[in-house]
Amino acid sequence: MTDTPDKRPQREDYARSGADIKQQRERLVASSIKRKPPDPARLARRRMVLRWAKWLLPVTALLLLAAIAAWPEMEHLISASQTTMRELSKVKIESGNLIGATYRGVDEHNRPFTITADTVHQATNNRLDLTDPAADILTQGGDWLMVRSEKGVYMQHAQILDLTGEVTLYRDDGLMMHTPVADIDVKSSIITSDSWVRAEGPFGVLDAQGFLLSQHDGITQFRGPGRLILNDDRQSDATTGKKAS
């Protein structure tokens, strides 16, 4: 019986040479080599990394939770800081003068007061020279009082404000007073003047040679000689055609 050649079609792209087979066997042998176990130093490093990871991951998570919880308060502080910076941006310093200054505090009876000025020049550590000063004071009864003038001197340690030049006092009950000079003891809430004063209000008109106004005691005193014209006298004078003296 004779062997007959295999007449089935053969694909050349599947044919492998001896060199290809040898190279493939070498790769299989190389891949079958077992990995060497890590040495003690490498194992120690791995244990240290795992130990730090066990602590760092929970701590990081706690910090993130704390940041989320504290974010509203941080946002409030940031907003307050931005507001303060905007207020400070309105204050300018030119040639040693402070422009747009505001002083806030409380008197000895724990009532707030505010002193503002267009310009402030620090003459000494204690003395401040003010231009167009204005003082806002809260009275014992909760009323509001404002005193303003053309110039002023504020003694910081004693909390005394000396006003000169067209001093105007206005109280929210309708009282208005005009005098060329006035001294304000901000700490005691006392306003005094040794010069002439003209007071106008719901009661009428009063001219005097000086006054003392105590916000805590609720006392207003005028020093004579003076002249008082009550609103009732004005009405009667208008009816009779006479002048009040």
Protein backbone atom coordinates (compact mmCIF):
# COMPACT_ATOMS: atom_id res chain seq x y z
CA MET A 1 0.00 0.00 0.00
CA THR A 2 1.51 3.26 -1.10
CA ASP A 3 1.24 6.57 0.81
CA THR A 4 -0.54 9.27 -1.09
CA PRO A 5 0.43 12.89 -0.55
CA ASP A 6 -1.95 15.08 1.45
CA LYS A 7 -3.68 17.20 -1.14
CA ARG A 8 -5.57 19.41 1.43
CA PRO A 9 -4.82 23.11 1.05
CA GLN A 10 -2.10 24.42 3.39
CA ARG A 11 -2.00 28.09 4.67
CA GLU A 12 1.41 29.61 4.60
CA ASP A 13 0.61 32.19 7.38
CA TYR A 14 0.25 29.32 9.88
CA ALA A 15 3.58 27.83 8.99
CA ARG A 16 6.27 28.36 11.68
CA SER A 17 9.95 28.08 11.28
CA GLY A 18 12.24 26.37 13.74
CA ALA A 19 13.53 29.74 15.00
CA ASP A 20 10.00 30.95 15.80
CA ILE A 21 9.26 27.79 17.75
CA LYS A 22 12.50 28.11 19.70
CA GLN A 23 11.81 31.76 20.56
CA GLN A 24 8.29 30.93 21.74
CA ARG A 25 9.58 28.15 23.99
CA GLU A 26 12.12 30.52 25.54
CA ARG A 27 9.38 33.02 26.36
CA LEU A 28 7.29 30.30 27.98
CA VAL A 29 10.24 29.18 30.09
CA ALA A 30 10.99 32.78 31.13
CA SER A 31 7.37 33.42 32.09
CA SER A 32 7.24 30.22 34.12
CA ILE A 33 10.07 31.35 36.40
CA LYS A 34 8.68 31.99 39.88
CA ARG A 35 8.94 35.48 41.41
CA LYS A 36 11.34 35.84 44.25
CA PRO A 37 9.75 36.49 47.66
CA PRO A 38 10.26 40.04 49.00
CA ASP A 39 13.09 40.61 51.41
CA PRO A 40 12.48 41.71 55.06
CA ALA A 41 13.26 45.38 54.31
CA ARG A 42 10.60 45.52 51.58
CA LEU A 43 8.08 43.81 53.87
CA ALA A 44 8.80 46.36 56.60
CA ARG A 45 8.20 49.23 54.18
CA ARG A 46 4.90 47.71 53.10
CA ARG A 47 3.77 47.27 56.70
CA MET A 48 4.65 50.92 57.43
CA VAL A 49 2.68 52.12 54.40
CA LEU A 50 -0.35 50.09 55.47
CA ARG A 51 -0.06 51.34 59.05
CA TRP A 52 0.03 54.99 57.92
CA ALA A 53 -2.84 54.41 55.51
CA LYS A 54 -5.01 53.04 58.36
CA TRP A 55 -4.53 56.33 60.25
CA LEU A 56 -4.40 58.84 57.42
CA LEU A 57 -7.57 57.77 55.64
CA PRO A 58 -9.89 58.14 58.70
CA VAL A 59 -8.22 61.41 59.73
CA THR A 60 -8.65 62.80 56.22
CA ALA A 61 -12.31 61.81 56.25
CA LEU A 62 -12.82 63.52 59.64
CA LEU A 63 -11.12 66.69 58.39
CA LEU A 64 -13.38 66.76 55.35
CA LEU A 65 -16.49 66.33 57.53
CA ALA A 66 -15.28 69.07 59.90
CA ALA A 67 -14.65 71.41 56.97
CA ILE A 68 -18.16 70.79 55.65
CA ALA A 69 -19.67 71.46 59.10
CA ALA A 70 -17.59 74.60 59.67
CA TRP A 71 -18.07 76.04 56.19
CA PRO A 72 -21.12 78.24 57.07
CA GLU A 73 -19.19 79.90 59.91
CA MET A 74 -16.14 80.34 57.69
CA GLU A 75 -18.34 81.89 55.02
CA HIS A 76 -19.76 84.30 57.63
CA LEU A 77 -16.24 85.30 58.73
CA ILE A 78 -15.16 85.80 55.13
CA SER A 79 -18.21 87.99 54.47
CA ALA A 80 -17.52 90.04 57.63
CA SER A 81 -13.89 90.45 56.59
CA GLN A 82 -14.95 91.64 53.15
CA THR A 83 -17.33 94.15 54.75
CA THR A 84 -14.53 95.44 56.98
CA MET A 85 -12.22 95.78 54.01
CA ARG A 86 -14.88 97.76 52.15
CA GLU A 87 -15.24 100.09 55.14
CA LEU A 88 -11.49 100.48 55.39
CA SER A 89 -11.27 101.25 51.69
CA LYS A 90 -13.40 104.33 52.35
CA VAL A 91 -10.83 105.64 54.83
CA LYS A 92 -7.90 107.43 53.22
CA ILE A 93 -4.73 108.82 54.73
CA GLU A 94 -3.43 111.97 53.08
CA SER A 95 -0.51 114.07 54.36
CA GLY A 96 -0.78 112.63 57.86
CA ASN A 97 -4.56 113.22 58.02
CA LEU A 98 -7.15 110.50 58.37
CA ILE A 99 -10.17 111.08 56.11
CA GLY A 100 -13.60 109.66 56.92
CA ALA A 101 -12.80 108.46 60.45
CA THR A 102 -15.30 106.91 62.87
CA TYR A 103 -14.84 106.29 66.60
CA ARG A 104 -17.24 104.04 68.49
CA GLY A 105 -17.48 103.28 72.19
CA VAL A 106 -19.68 103.18 75.27
CA ASP A 107 -19.92 105.63 78.17
CA GLU A 108 -19.71 104.82 81.86
CA HIS A 109 -23.41 103.85 81.79
CA ASN A 110 -22.79 101.33 78.96
CA ARG A 111 -24.61 103.43 76.36
CA PRO A 112 -23.09 103.56 72.87
CA PHE A 113 -21.76 106.70 71.23
CA THR A 114 -20.22 107.45 67.84
CA ILE A 115 -17.90 110.28 66.78
CA THR A 116 -17.29 110.91 63.08
CA ALA A 117 -15.22 113.51 61.27
CA ASP A 118 -14.38 114.41 57.69
CA THR A 119 -10.68 114.69 58.51
CA VAL A 120 -8.64 113.83 61.61
CA HIS A 121 -5.13 115.01 62.40
CA GLN A 122 -3.31 113.38 65.31
CA ALA A 123 -1.54 116.26 67.03
CA THR A 124 -0.27 114.14 69.95
CA ASN A 125 -0.80 110.63 71.25
CA ASN A 126 -3.86 111.88 73.12
CA ARG A 127 -5.16 114.79 71.03
CA LEU A 128 -7.03 114.52 67.74
CA ASP A 129 -7.92 117.62 65.72
CA LEU A 130 -11.21 117.10 63.88
CA THR A 131 -12.81 118.82 60.91
CA ASP A 132 -16.63 118.80 60.67
CA PRO A 133 -17.04 116.48 63.67
CA ALA A 134 -20.38 114.96 64.68
CA ALA A 135 -21.21 113.05 67.86
CA ASP A 136 -24.19 110.68 68.12
CA ILE A 137 -25.20 109.97 71.72
CA LEU A 138 -27.95 107.79 73.21
CA THR A 139 -29.76 109.36 76.16
CA GLN A 140 -30.91 107.68 79.37
CA GLY A 141 -34.49 107.50 78.09
CA GLY A 142 -33.43 105.90 74.82
CA ASP A 143 -33.65 109.13 72.80
CA TRP A 144 -31.08 110.05 70.18
CA LEU A 145 -29.00 113.22 70.29
CA MET A 146 -26.55 114.60 67.72
CA VAL A 147 -24.04 117.44 68.12
CA ARG A 148 -21.99 118.75 65.21
CA SER A 149 -19.73 121.71 64.49
CA GLU A 150 -17.12 123.05 62.10
CA LYS A 151 -14.07 122.07 64.17
CA GLY A 152 -13.30 120.01 67.23
CA VAL A 153 -10.63 118.53 69.46
CA TYR A 154 -11.01 115.04 70.89
CA MET A 155 -8.96 114.01 73.92
CA GLN A 156 -8.94 110.24 73.69
CA HIS A 157 -7.84 109.34 77.22
CA ALA A 158 -10.30 111.66 78.96
CA GLN A 159 -13.00 111.10 76.29
CA ILE A 160 -13.71 114.83 76.06
CA LEU A 161 -14.79 116.47 72.80
CA ASP A 162 -14.39 120.25 72.48
CA LEU A 163 -16.44 121.76 69.64
CA THR A 164 -16.08 125.23 68.11
CA GLY A 165 -17.66 127.15 65.26
CA GLU A 166 -21.42 126.95 64.65
CA VAL A 167 -22.18 124.18 67.11
CA THR A 168 -25.61 122.65 66.53
CA LEU A 169 -27.33 120.25 68.91
CA TYR A 170 -30.40 118.32 67.83
CA ARG A 171 -32.47 115.91 69.92
CA ASP A 172 -35.14 113.67 68.47
CA ASP A 173 -37.82 115.19 70.71
CA GLY A 174 -37.55 118.36 68.62
CA LEU A 175 -35.06 120.36 70.70
CA MET A 176 -32.46 122.29 68.67
CA MET A 177 -29.70 124.42 70.17
CA HIS A 178 -27.12 126.73 68.60
CA THR A 179 -23.96 127.98 70.30
CA PRO A 180 -20.42 128.96 69.18
CA VAL A 181 -18.66 126.52 71.56
CA ALA A 182 -19.55 123.37 73.48
CA ASP A 183 -17.72 120.75 75.52
CA ILE A 184 -18.89 117.14 75.63
CA ASP A 185 -17.81 114.75 78.35
CA VAL A 186 -18.49 111.62 76.31
CA LYS A 187 -17.75 109.31 79.23
CA SER A 188 -20.34 110.98 81.52
CA SER A 189 -22.73 112.08 78.71
CA ILE A 190 -22.64 115.73 79.81
CA ILE A 191 -22.71 118.68 77.38
CA THR A 192 -21.85 122.20 78.58
CA SER A 193 -21.23 125.66 77.14
CA ASP A 194 -20.11 128.95 78.71
CA SER A 195 -21.16 131.01 75.70
CA TRP A 196 -24.52 132.26 74.52
CA VAL A 197 -27.02 129.66 73.41
CA ARG A 198 -30.29 129.75 71.53
CA ALA A 199 -32.67 126.85 72.07
CA GLU A 200 -35.77 126.14 69.99
CA GLY A 201 -38.30 123.39 70.45
CA PRO A 202 -41.92 122.50 71.03
CA PHE A 203 -41.91 124.75 74.12
CA GLY A 204 -40.81 127.87 72.22
CA VAL A 205 -37.55 129.85 72.04
CA LEU A 206 -34.95 130.38 74.78
CA ASP A 207 -31.86 132.63 74.74
CA ALA A 208 -29.32 132.25 77.56
CA GLN A 209 -25.66 132.78 78.46
CA GLY A 210 -24.78 129.13 78.88
CA PHE A 211 -26.21 125.67 79.50
CA LEU A 212 -25.59 122.25 81.01
CA LEU A 213 -27.24 119.13 79.65
CA SER A 214 -26.87 115.81 81.50
CA GLN A 215 -28.05 112.83 79.45
CA HIS A 216 -27.92 110.36 82.34
CA ASP A 217 -29.81 112.53 84.83
CA GLY A 218 -32.19 113.96 82.24
CA ILE A 219 -31.44 117.54 83.36
CA THR A 220 -31.08 120.65 81.19
CA GLN A 221 -30.02 123.88 82.90
CA PHE A 222 -29.63 127.35 81.35
CA ARG A 223 -27.66 130.20 82.88
CA GLY A 224 -28.97 133.76 82.69
CA PRO A 225 -29.66 136.45 82.06
CA GLY A 226 -31.90 135.07 79.37
CA ARG A 227 -35.14 135.41 77.50
CA LEU A 228 -37.89 132.83 77.12
CA ILE A 229 -40.75 133.01 74.63
CA LEU A 230 -43.26 130.22 75.03
CA ASN A 231 -45.42 129.05 72.18
CA ASP A 232 -48.53 130.09 74.14
CA ASP A 233 -47.08 133.60 74.45
CA ARG A 234 -46.50 133.71 70.69
CA GLN A 235 -50.13 132.86 70.04
CA SER A 236 -51.40 135.47 72.52
CA ASP A 237 -49.03 138.10 71.09
CA ALA A 238 -50.27 137.36 67.60
CA THR A 239 -53.84 137.86 68.83
CA THR A 240 -53.19 141.12 70.75
CA GLY A 241 -50.55 142.44 68.35
CA LYS A 242 -48.00 142.89 71.17
CA LYS A 243 -44.40 141.77 71.32
CA ALA A 244 -43.11 139.49 74.05
CA SER A 245 -40.07 140.57 75.98
